[in-house]
C-alpha cells in the first residue's frame, strides 16, 4: 500500500473528509462490479483511512482483513428510482474476531458492514457520503464458527 494514513481531525468543526483528497492505499483494479473505477478507488481509500485507521485504532486488525471484491450501484425502480449501493467483500475470520463461544462476534460483523455503502452513494451523486451511522439493523441468520 502506498501513502500514509492521514492524521485525525484536530477539532470537531471539521469532522468530514474529502475522499478525493486521500492518497491511494492500494490497487483496486481487481474489484468487479458496475461502479466506476474512480468510485472503487475512492471508496477503498476512505475505508482504509477512516474505517481502518492507524494500528492503535479500534478494528484495525479486523479492517485490514477485508478484501473488497465487488462494488455495484443500481437504480431501484420499485423504490421510485432511488439508488442502491452494494459492496461485497471477503473476510478471513481469525481468532481475534471471535466471541467467547468461538463464533464471529456480531459487533465485529456490524463494524465491517458499517463502512462503505454511503461513501459509494455519495461519490456517485457527487456529494460527500462520509458520515456517521445513525442507525443500523442487522439480522443474523446463523452462528459463524471459526
Protein backbone atom coordinates (compact mmCIF):
# COMPACT_ATOMS: atom_id res chain seq x y z
CA UNK A 1 0.00 0.00 0.00
CA UNK A 2 1.22 3.44 -0.78
CA UNK A 3 0.59 6.58 1.19
CA UNK A 4 0.40 7.10 4.90
CA UNK A 5 -2.71 7.44 6.95
CA UNK A 6 -4.00 10.99 7.38
CA UNK A 7 -3.94 12.47 10.83
CA UNK A 8 -7.23 12.54 12.65
CA UNK A 9 -9.12 15.84 12.63
CA UNK A 10 -7.93 18.05 15.50
CA UNK A 11 -11.16 19.95 16.02
CA UNK A 12 -14.80 18.88 15.97
CA UNK A 13 -15.54 21.65 13.47
CA UNK A 14 -14.02 19.59 10.64
CA UNK A 15 -15.23 16.00 11.06
CA UNK A 16 -15.70 15.16 7.38
CA UNK A 17 -13.12 14.09 4.88
CA UNK A 18 -12.90 14.63 1.16
CA UNK A 19 -12.38 11.13 -0.32
CA UNK A 20 -10.67 12.66 -3.37
CA UNK A 21 -8.01 14.25 -1.13
CA UNK A 22 -6.85 10.92 0.32
CA UNK A 23 -3.80 9.05 -1.01
CA UNK A 24 -4.30 5.78 -2.86
CA UNK A 25 -3.97 2.88 -0.47
CA UNK A 26 -3.78 0.06 -2.97
CA UNK A 27 -4.68 -1.39 -6.33
CA UNK A 28 -8.43 -1.71 -6.83
CA UNK A 29 -8.34 -2.96 -10.43
CA UNK A 30 -9.43 -6.46 -9.39
CA UNK A 31 -12.67 -5.21 -7.80
CA UNK A 32 -15.60 -6.26 -10.01
CA UNK A 33 -18.95 -4.51 -10.34
CA UNK A 34 -20.58 -1.73 -12.31
CA UNK A 35 -19.35 1.18 -10.16
CA UNK A 36 -16.84 3.39 -11.97
CA UNK A 37 -13.19 2.64 -11.22
CA UNK A 38 -12.68 6.01 -9.52
CA UNK A 39 -15.56 5.20 -7.12
CA UNK A 40 -13.98 1.86 -6.24
CA UNK A 41 -10.63 3.54 -5.57
CA UNK A 42 -12.00 6.45 -3.55
CA UNK A 43 -14.24 4.10 -1.56
CA UNK A 44 -11.26 1.88 -0.74
CA UNK A 45 -9.08 4.86 0.20
CA UNK A 46 -11.81 6.16 2.53
CA UNK A 47 -12.33 2.72 4.05
CA UNK A 48 -8.62 2.32 4.83
CA UNK A 49 -8.11 5.88 6.10
CA UNK A 50 -11.23 6.17 8.24
CA UNK A 51 -12.76 2.72 8.59
CA UNK A 52 -9.48 1.00 9.45
CA UNK A 53 -7.27 3.83 10.68
CA UNK A 54 -3.93 3.56 12.43
CA UNK A 55 -2.69 0.42 14.20
CA UNK A 56 -3.91 1.76 17.55
CA UNK A 57 -7.47 2.28 16.25
CA UNK A 58 -10.42 0.07 17.11
CA UNK A 59 -10.92 -2.55 14.45
CA UNK A 60 -7.58 -2.06 12.67
CA UNK A 61 -6.68 -5.75 12.52
CA UNK A 62 -10.25 -6.67 11.53
CA UNK A 63 -10.47 -3.94 8.91
CA UNK A 64 -7.18 -4.93 7.30
CA UNK A 65 -8.55 -8.44 6.72
CA UNK A 66 -11.38 -7.14 4.48
CA UNK A 67 -10.91 -7.53 0.72
CA UNK A 68 -13.45 -5.79 -1.49
CA UNK A 69 -14.40 -7.96 -4.46
CA UNK A 70 -17.37 -6.12 -5.96
CA UNK A 71 -18.97 -2.64 -5.87
CA UNK A 72 -22.27 -2.00 -7.62
CA UNK A 73 -24.69 0.89 -7.92
CA UNK A 74 -28.21 0.27 -9.20
CA UNK A 75 -31.35 2.33 -9.57
CA UNK A 76 -34.29 0.65 -7.86
CA UNK A 77 -37.39 1.34 -9.95
CA UNK A 78 -39.65 -0.27 -7.36
CA UNK A 79 -38.32 2.32 -4.87
CA UNK A 80 -39.12 5.38 -7.01
CA UNK A 81 -35.76 5.28 -8.80
CA UNK A 82 -33.64 5.52 -5.65
CA UNK A 83 -30.02 4.49 -5.94
CA UNK A 84 -28.73 1.47 -4.04
CA UNK A 85 -25.06 0.72 -3.45
CA UNK A 86 -23.82 -2.79 -2.76
CA UNK A 87 -20.30 -3.57 -1.63
CA UNK A 88 -19.22 -7.20 -1.47
CA UNK A 89 -16.16 -8.19 0.50
CA UNK A 90 -14.32 -11.29 1.57
CA UNK A 91 -13.10 -11.51 5.14
CA UNK A 92 -10.71 -14.03 6.55
CA UNK A 93 -12.09 -14.69 10.03
CA UNK A 94 -9.37 -15.02 12.65
CA UNK A 95 -9.40 -15.76 16.38
CA UNK A 96 -9.36 -12.08 17.40
CA UNK A 97 -12.78 -11.65 15.70
CA UNK A 98 -14.48 -14.29 17.85
CA UNK A 99 -16.67 -14.05 20.92
CA UNK A 100 -16.24 -16.31 23.96
CA UNK A 101 -18.24 -19.10 22.31
CA UNK A 102 -15.82 -19.24 19.35
CA UNK A 103 -18.22 -17.60 16.90
CA UNK A 104 -17.71 -14.48 14.80
CA UNK A 105 -18.76 -11.65 17.12
CA UNK A 106 -21.85 -9.78 15.92
CA UNK A 107 -20.28 -6.43 16.77
CA UNK A 108 -17.29 -7.31 14.62
CA UNK A 109 -19.57 -8.10 11.70
CA UNK A 110 -21.53 -4.86 12.20
CA UNK A 111 -18.25 -2.90 12.15
CA UNK A 112 -17.37 -4.46 8.79
CA UNK A 113 -20.84 -3.83 7.31
CA UNK A 114 -20.90 -0.22 8.53
CA UNK A 115 -18.06 1.16 6.49
CA UNK A 116 -18.80 1.64 2.78
CA UNK A 117 -22.20 1.88 1.03
CA UNK A 118 -22.83 5.55 1.92
CA UNK A 119 -19.41 6.56 0.61
CA UNK A 120 -20.21 4.85 -2.72
CA UNK A 121 -23.62 6.55 -2.97
CA UNK A 122 -22.09 9.92 -2.16
CA UNK A 123 -19.40 9.56 -4.81
CA UNK A 124 -21.96 8.58 -7.46
CA UNK A 125 -24.17 11.56 -6.58
CA UNK A 126 -21.21 13.96 -6.29
CA UNK A 127 -21.79 14.63 -2.60
CA UNK A 128 -19.69 13.70 0.39
CA UNK A 129 -21.05 10.38 1.67
CA UNK A 130 -18.62 10.16 4.56
CA UNK A 131 -20.52 10.44 7.80
CA UNK A 132 -21.67 8.82 10.99
CA UNK A 133 -24.11 5.92 11.12
CA UNK A 134 -27.30 6.94 12.90
CA UNK A 135 -29.00 3.56 12.81
CA UNK A 136 -28.18 0.04 11.75
CA UNK A 137 -30.31 -3.10 11.76
CA UNK A 138 -28.52 -6.40 11.36
CA UNK A 139 -30.30 -9.75 11.11
CA UNK A 140 -28.06 -12.71 11.89
CA UNK A 141 -29.15 -15.95 10.22
CA UNK A 142 -26.78 -18.44 11.84
CA UNK A 143 -23.66 -18.52 14.01
CA UNK A 144 -20.35 -18.37 12.18
CA UNK A 145 -17.77 -20.56 13.94
CA UNK A 146 -14.10 -20.34 13.09
